[in-house]
Amino acid sequence: MSDIKIMPKDKLRALIGDTEETLAELKAEMERRDEADQAREIENLEEHMKNAELSLQTIRDFFRHLVEDMKSRG
């Protein structure tokens, strides 16, 4: 890049425009990636919720079995 202190105004304006355009593209890409990350996390959250529900059901079944066992003994 040439020395900006001696760059003509029109070239400096063009450089600013190009820089702003590049920055806008970078921001859009970052937003796209953030949204993709969030979508993956939501998908994982659904899987975690299913696993938690299964675990909770297993715990409930275990307690139900314990209660029934204690009733039958007592």
Protein backbone atom coordinates (compact mmCIF):
# COMPACT_ATOMS: atom_id res chain seq x y z
CA MET A 1 0.00 0.00 0.00
CA SER A 2 1.30 3.43 -0.83
CA ASP A 3 1.93 6.03 1.84
CA ILE A 4 -1.49 7.40 2.79
CA LYS A 5 -0.03 10.78 3.74
CA ILE A 6 0.74 11.54 0.10
CA MET A 7 -2.22 9.69 -1.40
CA PRO A 8 -4.64 11.91 -3.37
CA LYS A 9 -8.03 12.45 -1.77
CA ASP A 10 -9.93 10.51 -4.43
CA LYS A 11 -7.73 7.45 -3.94
CA LEU A 12 -8.03 7.84 -0.17
CA ARG A 13 -11.84 7.95 -0.50
CA ALA A 14 -11.74 4.86 -2.71
CA LEU A 15 -9.53 3.08 -0.17
CA ILE A 16 -11.94 4.02 2.63
CA GLY A 17 -14.85 2.70 0.54
CA ASP A 18 -13.07 -0.57 -0.17
CA THR A 19 -12.12 -0.91 3.50
CA GLU A 20 -15.70 -0.26 4.65
CA GLU A 21 -17.01 -2.79 2.12
CA THR A 22 -14.50 -5.40 3.28
CA LEU A 23 -15.38 -4.69 6.91
CA ALA A 24 -19.09 -5.10 6.13
CA GLU A 25 -18.36 -8.45 4.43
CA LEU A 26 -16.30 -9.58 7.42
CA LYS A 27 -19.08 -8.57 9.84
CA ALA A 28 -21.66 -10.43 7.73
CA GLU A 29 -19.48 -13.54 7.70
CA MET A 30 -19.01 -13.34 11.47
CA GLU A 31 -22.77 -13.02 11.94
CA ARG A 32 -23.38 -16.00 9.63
CA ARG A 33 -20.91 -18.10 11.63
CA ASP A 34 -22.45 -17.01 14.94
CA GLU A 35 -25.90 -17.99 13.67
CA ALA A 36 -24.56 -21.36 12.48
CA ASP A 37 -22.98 -21.93 15.90
CA GLN A 38 -26.25 -21.07 17.61
CA ALA A 39 -28.17 -23.43 15.34
CA ARG A 40 -25.76 -26.26 16.19
CA GLU A 41 -26.12 -25.53 19.89
CA ILE A 42 -29.90 -25.59 19.60
CA GLU A 43 -29.68 -28.97 17.85
CA ASN A 44 -27.41 -30.22 20.61
CA LEU A 45 -29.74 -28.79 23.25
CA GLU A 46 -32.60 -30.87 21.88
CA GLU A 47 -30.44 -33.99 22.10
CA HIS A 48 -29.37 -33.11 25.65
CA MET A 49 -32.99 -32.58 26.63
CA LYS A 50 -33.92 -36.01 25.25
CA ASN A 51 -31.08 -37.59 27.20
CA ALA A 52 -32.10 -35.74 30.35
CA GLU A 53 -35.68 -36.93 29.94
CA LEU A 54 -34.51 -40.52 29.54
CA SER A 55 -32.27 -40.21 32.59
CA LEU A 56 -35.09 -38.72 34.61
CA GLN A 57 -37.39 -41.55 33.57
CA THR A 58 -34.73 -44.09 34.60
CA ILE A 59 -34.44 -42.42 38.01
CA ARG A 60 -38.24 -42.39 38.41
CA ASP A 61 -38.41 -46.08 37.50
CA PHE A 62 -35.67 -46.85 40.00
CA PHE A 63 -37.47 -45.01 42.81
CA ARG A 64 -40.76 -46.66 41.87
CA HIS A 65 -39.02 -50.02 42.11
CA LEU A 66 -37.54 -49.12 45.52
CA VAL A 67 -40.92 -48.03 46.87
CA GLU A 68 -42.57 -51.21 45.61
CA ASP A 69 -39.78 -53.29 47.11
CA MET A 70 -40.11 -51.57 50.49
CA LYS A 71 -43.91 -52.01 50.43
CA SER A 72 -43.56 -55.70 49.68
CA ARG A 73 -41.14 -56.10 52.62
CA GLY A 74 -43.07 -54.13 55.04
